[in-house]
Amino acid sequence: MEGCAESTERRPRTWINDKILTLYTSLHRMGHAHSVEVWDGDQLAGGLYGVSLGGSFFGESMFTRVGNASKVALVLLIESLRRDGFELIDCQVTTEHLVQFGAREVPRTHFMKELQHALKQPTRQGLWRFSEAGGIGVEPNRTGGGV
């Protein structure tokens, strides 16, 4: 989250403030907020974070410090969520960056129907770990860094 909140030359200010960081940290401790991080040795290269409820993942923000690092995180997340039967990824804002990975705008009524169905699935709470096969393993009642 702190990486997403960093100011850059292209984005000197972000919506992610101390209150947002505190609230999402609480959601993480509750097992609902998750981050996908891409590391280059001991340096954080990029990533994303969001909230999981039922069979839905609500993407909040992405960042990159090394070219394409956020794309790696997004592809890993998408493939893992697909394998685990997630039905909906809400990226909130349609951008060219997200469209290249299959994002599309849907009418609100369609979105609400998809969301209602996806929320019937159980929520996978806890610290997510990606398996070798690409699915998500959950370590319940654990807190820590990213996925």
C-alpha atoms as a PDB file:
ATOM      1  CA  MET A   1       0.000   0.000   0.000  1.00  0.00           C
ATOM      2  CA  GLU A   2       2.837   2.339   0.779  1.00  0.00           C
ATOM      3  CA  GLY A   3       4.269   1.715  -2.698  1.00  0.00           C
ATOM      4  CA  CYS A   4       0.901   2.611  -4.212  1.00  0.00           C
ATOM      5  CA  ALA A   5       0.799   5.769  -2.083  1.00  0.00           C
ATOM      6  CA  GLU A   6       4.233   7.033  -3.191  1.00  0.00           C
ATOM      7  CA  SER A   7       4.273  10.216  -5.195  1.00  0.00           C
ATOM      8  CA  THR A   8       5.902  10.020  -8.607  1.00  0.00           C
ATOM      9  CA  GLU A   9       6.741  12.485 -11.333  1.00  0.00           C
ATOM     10  CA  ARG A  10       3.586  11.485 -13.220  1.00  0.00           C
ATOM     11  CA  ARG A  11       1.461  11.373 -10.052  1.00  0.00           C
ATOM     12  CA  PRO A  12       2.615  13.837  -7.394  1.00  0.00           C
ATOM     13  CA  ARG A  13      -0.426  13.149  -5.158  1.00  0.00           C
ATOM     14  CA  THR A  14      -2.559  10.078  -4.484  1.00  0.00           C
ATOM     15  CA  TRP A  15      -5.809   9.379  -2.691  1.00  0.00           C
ATOM     16  CA  ILE A  16      -4.028   6.945  -0.363  1.00  0.00           C
ATOM     17  CA  ASN A  17      -3.506   8.828   2.891  1.00  0.00           C
ATOM     18  CA  ASP A  18      -2.678   7.758   6.461  1.00  0.00           C
ATOM     19  CA  LYS A  19      -6.333   7.014   7.261  1.00  0.00           C
ATOM     20  CA  ILE A  20      -6.662   4.745   4.213  1.00  0.00           C
ATOM     21  CA  LEU A  21      -3.412   2.962   5.150  1.00  0.00           C
ATOM     22  CA  THR A  22      -4.692   2.389   8.690  1.00  0.00           C
ATOM     23  CA  LEU A  23      -8.085   1.117   7.519  1.00  0.00           C
ATOM     24  CA  TYR A  24      -6.654  -1.255   4.916  1.00  0.00           C
ATOM     25  CA  THR A  25      -4.080  -2.537   7.403  1.00  0.00           C
ATOM     26  CA  SER A  26      -7.020  -3.411   9.676  1.00  0.00           C
ATOM     27  CA  LEU A  27      -8.771  -5.153   6.779  1.00  0.00           C
ATOM     28  CA  HIS A  28      -5.552  -7.074   6.126  1.00  0.00           C
ATOM     29  CA  ARG A  29      -5.360  -8.213   9.746  1.00  0.00           C
ATOM     30  CA  MET A  30      -8.986  -9.371   9.457  1.00  0.00           C
ATOM     31  CA  GLY A  31      -8.026 -11.430   6.398  1.00  0.00           C
ATOM     32  CA  HIS A  32      -9.871  -9.369   3.775  1.00  0.00           C
ATOM     33  CA  ALA A  33      -7.207  -7.092   2.253  1.00  0.00           C
ATOM     34  CA  HIS A  34      -4.384  -8.661   0.279  1.00  0.00           C
ATOM     35  CA  SER A  35      -1.337  -7.500  -1.603  1.00  0.00           C
ATOM     36  CA  VAL A  36       0.514  -9.106  -4.468  1.00  0.00           C
ATOM     37  CA  GLU A  37       4.150  -8.076  -4.422  1.00  0.00           C
ATOM     38  CA  VAL A  38       6.892  -8.515  -6.992  1.00  0.00           C
ATOM     39  CA  TRP A  39      10.410  -8.531  -5.576  1.00  0.00           C
ATOM     40  CA  ASP A  40      13.766  -8.204  -7.325  1.00  0.00           C
ATOM     41  CA  GLY A  41      16.067  -9.684  -4.713  1.00  0.00           C
ATOM     42  CA  ASP A  42      15.454  -7.635  -1.583  1.00  0.00           C
ATOM     43  CA  GLN A  43      13.936  -4.682  -3.477  1.00  0.00           C
ATOM     44  CA  LEU A  44      10.175  -4.306  -3.892  1.00  0.00           C
ATOM     45  CA  ALA A  45       9.715  -3.872  -7.655  1.00  0.00           C
ATOM     46  CA  GLY A  46       5.956  -3.364  -7.783  1.00  0.00           C
ATOM     47  CA  GLY A  47       2.594  -4.758  -6.853  1.00  0.00           C
ATOM     48  CA  LEU A  48      -1.043  -4.192  -6.143  1.00  0.00           C
ATOM     49  CA  TYR A  49      -3.553  -4.507  -3.343  1.00  0.00           C
ATOM     50  CA  GLY A  50      -7.258  -4.979  -2.893  1.00  0.00           C
ATOM     51  CA  VAL A  51     -10.054  -6.546  -0.896  1.00  0.00           C
ATOM     52  CA  SER A  52     -11.534 -10.036  -1.193  1.00  0.00           C
ATOM     53  CA  LEU A  53     -15.162 -10.800  -0.333  1.00  0.00           C
ATOM     54  CA  GLY A  54     -16.803 -14.036  -1.392  1.00  0.00           C
ATOM     55  CA  GLY A  55     -15.792 -14.855  -4.960  1.00  0.00           C
ATOM     56  CA  SER A  56     -14.924 -11.219  -5.674  1.00  0.00           C
ATOM     57  CA  PHE A  57     -11.680  -9.271  -5.600  1.00  0.00           C
ATOM     58  CA  PHE A  58     -11.834  -5.485  -5.539  1.00  0.00           C
ATOM     59  CA  GLY A  59      -8.589  -4.032  -6.848  1.00  0.00           C
ATOM     60  CA  GLU A  60      -7.652  -0.790  -5.160  1.00  0.00           C
ATOM     61  CA  SER A  61      -4.305   0.349  -6.547  1.00  0.00           C
ATOM     62  CA  MET A  62      -1.166  -0.743  -8.407  1.00  0.00           C
ATOM     63  CA  PHE A  63       2.378   0.588  -8.595  1.00  0.00           C
ATOM     64  CA  THR A  64       5.652  -0.196 -10.295  1.00  0.00           C
ATOM     65  CA  ARG A  65       9.236   0.773  -9.623  1.00  0.00           C
ATOM     66  CA  VAL A  66      10.688  -1.603 -12.217  1.00  0.00           C
ATOM     67  CA  GLY A  67       9.162  -1.824 -15.685  1.00  0.00           C
ATOM     68  CA  ASN A  68       6.227  -4.263 -15.900  1.00  0.00           C
ATOM     69  CA  ALA A  69       6.399  -5.343 -12.238  1.00  0.00           C
ATOM     70  CA  SER A  70       2.770  -4.390 -11.592  1.00  0.00           C
ATOM     71  CA  LYS A  71       1.786  -6.317 -14.732  1.00  0.00           C
ATOM     72  CA  VAL A  72       3.477  -9.439 -13.357  1.00  0.00           C
ATOM     73  CA  ALA A  73       1.537  -9.019 -10.101  1.00  0.00           C
ATOM     74  CA  LEU A  74      -1.740  -8.526 -11.950  1.00  0.00           C
ATOM     75  CA  VAL A  75      -1.282 -11.560 -14.210  1.00  0.00           C
ATOM     76  CA  LEU A  76      -0.393 -13.752 -11.206  1.00  0.00           C
ATOM     77  CA  LEU A  77      -3.461 -12.515  -9.345  1.00  0.00           C
ATOM     78  CA  ILE A  78      -5.830 -12.976 -12.306  1.00  0.00           C
ATOM     79  CA  GLU A  79      -4.646 -16.511 -13.039  1.00  0.00           C
ATOM     80  CA  SER A  80      -4.778 -17.524  -9.376  1.00  0.00           C
ATOM     81  CA  LEU A  81      -8.250 -16.078  -8.865  1.00  0.00           C
ATOM     82  CA  ARG A  82      -9.500 -17.855 -12.001  1.00  0.00           C
ATOM     83  CA  ARG A  83      -8.100 -21.194 -10.839  1.00  0.00           C
ATOM     84  CA  ASP A  84      -9.743 -20.745  -7.446  1.00  0.00           C
ATOM     85  CA  GLY A  85     -13.172 -20.018  -8.921  1.00  0.00           C
ATOM     86  CA  PHE A  86     -13.408 -16.291  -8.258  1.00  0.00           C
ATOM     87  CA  GLU A  87     -16.154 -14.841 -10.405  1.00  0.00           C
ATOM     88  CA  LEU A  88     -15.475 -11.127 -10.340  1.00  0.00           C
ATOM     89  CA  ILE A  89     -12.504  -8.798 -10.298  1.00  0.00           C
ATOM     90  CA  ASP A  90     -13.555  -5.183  -9.872  1.00  0.00           C
ATOM     91  CA  CYS A  91     -10.826  -2.871 -11.142  1.00  0.00           C
ATOM     92  CA  GLN A  92     -13.032   0.191 -10.522  1.00  0.00           C
ATOM     93  CA  VAL A  93     -11.535   2.328 -13.302  1.00  0.00           C
ATOM     94  CA  THR A  94     -11.100   1.037 -16.841  1.00  0.00           C
ATOM     95  CA  THR A  95      -7.692   2.030 -18.191  1.00  0.00           C
ATOM     96  CA  GLU A  96      -5.751   0.987 -21.292  1.00  0.00           C
ATOM     97  CA  HIS A  97      -3.357  -0.778 -18.934  1.00  0.00           C
ATOM     98  CA  LEU A  98      -6.177  -2.961 -17.526  1.00  0.00           C
ATOM     99  CA  VAL A  99      -7.968  -3.478 -20.856  1.00  0.00           C
ATOM    100  CA  GLN A 100      -4.915  -5.315 -22.208  1.00  0.00           C
ATOM    101  CA  PHE A 101      -5.552  -7.918 -19.487  1.00  0.00           C
ATOM    102  CA  GLY A 102      -9.236  -8.328 -20.283  1.00  0.00           C
ATOM    103  CA  ALA A 103     -10.876  -5.564 -18.251  1.00  0.00           C
ATOM    104  CA  ARG A 104     -14.160  -4.342 -19.652  1.00  0.00           C
ATOM    105  CA  GLU A 105     -16.873  -1.989 -18.538  1.00  0.00           C
ATOM    106  CA  VAL A 106     -20.235  -3.534 -17.736  1.00  0.00           C
ATOM    107  CA  PRO A 107     -23.564  -1.849 -17.069  1.00  0.00           C
ATOM    108  CA  ARG A 108     -24.316  -1.335 -13.375  1.00  0.00           C
ATOM    109  CA  THR A 109     -27.266  -3.765 -13.423  1.00  0.00           C
ATOM    110  CA  HIS A 110     -25.041  -6.498 -14.887  1.00  0.00           C
ATOM    111  CA  PHE A 111     -22.282  -5.754 -12.361  1.00  0.00           C
ATOM    112  CA  MET A 112     -24.733  -5.923  -9.449  1.00  0.00           C
ATOM    113  CA  LYS A 113     -26.041  -9.327 -10.622  1.00  0.00           C
ATOM    114  CA  GLU A 114     -22.477 -10.679 -10.964  1.00  0.00           C
ATOM    115  CA  LEU A 115     -21.560  -9.266  -7.567  1.00  0.00           C
ATOM    116  CA  GLN A 116     -24.632 -10.727  -5.871  1.00  0.00           C
ATOM    117  CA  HIS A 117     -23.777 -14.161  -7.256  1.00  0.00           C
ATOM    118  CA  ALA A 118     -20.057 -13.906  -6.403  1.00  0.00           C
ATOM    119  CA  LEU A 119     -20.766 -12.866  -2.813  1.00  0.00           C
ATOM    120  CA  LYS A 120     -22.531 -16.201  -2.224  1.00  0.00           C
ATOM    121  CA  GLN A 121     -19.126 -17.923  -2.250  1.00  0.00           C
ATOM    122  CA  PRO A 122     -17.229 -18.207   1.032  1.00  0.00           C
ATOM    123  CA  THR A 123     -14.615 -15.524   1.651  1.00  0.00           C
ATOM    124  CA  ARG A 124     -11.056 -16.850   1.770  1.00  0.00           C
ATOM    125  CA  GLN A 125      -9.761 -15.102   4.874  1.00  0.00           C
ATOM    126  CA  GLY A 126      -6.183 -15.205   6.049  1.00  0.00           C
ATOM    127  CA  LEU A 127      -2.765 -14.769   4.534  1.00  0.00           C
ATOM    128  CA  TRP A 128      -2.811 -15.880   0.899  1.00  0.00           C
ATOM    129  CA  ARG A 129       0.086 -17.875  -0.518  1.00  0.00           C
ATOM    130  CA  PHE A 130       0.282 -18.733  -4.192  1.00  0.00           C
ATOM    131  CA  SER A 131       0.893 -22.413  -4.866  1.00  0.00           C
ATOM    132  CA  GLU A 132       3.230 -23.834  -7.501  1.00  0.00           C
ATOM    133  CA  ALA A 133       0.125 -24.729  -9.523  1.00  0.00           C
ATOM    134  CA  GLY A 134      -1.000 -21.123  -9.419  1.00  0.00           C
ATOM    135  CA  GLY A 135      -3.902 -21.405  -6.974  1.00  0.00           C
ATOM    136  CA  ILE A 136      -4.255 -19.605  -3.675  1.00  0.00           C
ATOM    137  CA  GLY A 137      -3.500 -21.354  -0.401  1.00  0.00           C
ATOM    138  CA  VAL A 138      -4.811 -19.697   2.743  1.00  0.00           C
ATOM    139  CA  GLU A 139      -3.102 -19.578   6.117  1.00  0.00           C
ATOM    140  CA  PRO A 140      -5.981 -18.554   8.408  1.00  0.00           C
ATOM    141  CA  ASN A 141      -5.505 -16.172  11.333  1.00  0.00           C
ATOM    142  CA  ARG A 142      -2.039 -15.101  10.225  1.00  0.00           C
ATOM    143  CA  THR A 143      -0.923 -11.596   9.540  1.00  0.00           C
ATOM    144  CA  GLY A 144       2.114 -10.457   7.697  1.00  0.00           C
ATOM    145  CA  GLY A 145       3.252  -8.860   4.509  1.00  0.00           C
ATOM    146  CA  GLY A 146       1.828  -9.545   1.128  1.00  0.00           C
ATOM    147  CA  VAL A 147       0.463 -12.568  -0.553  1.00  0.00           C
END
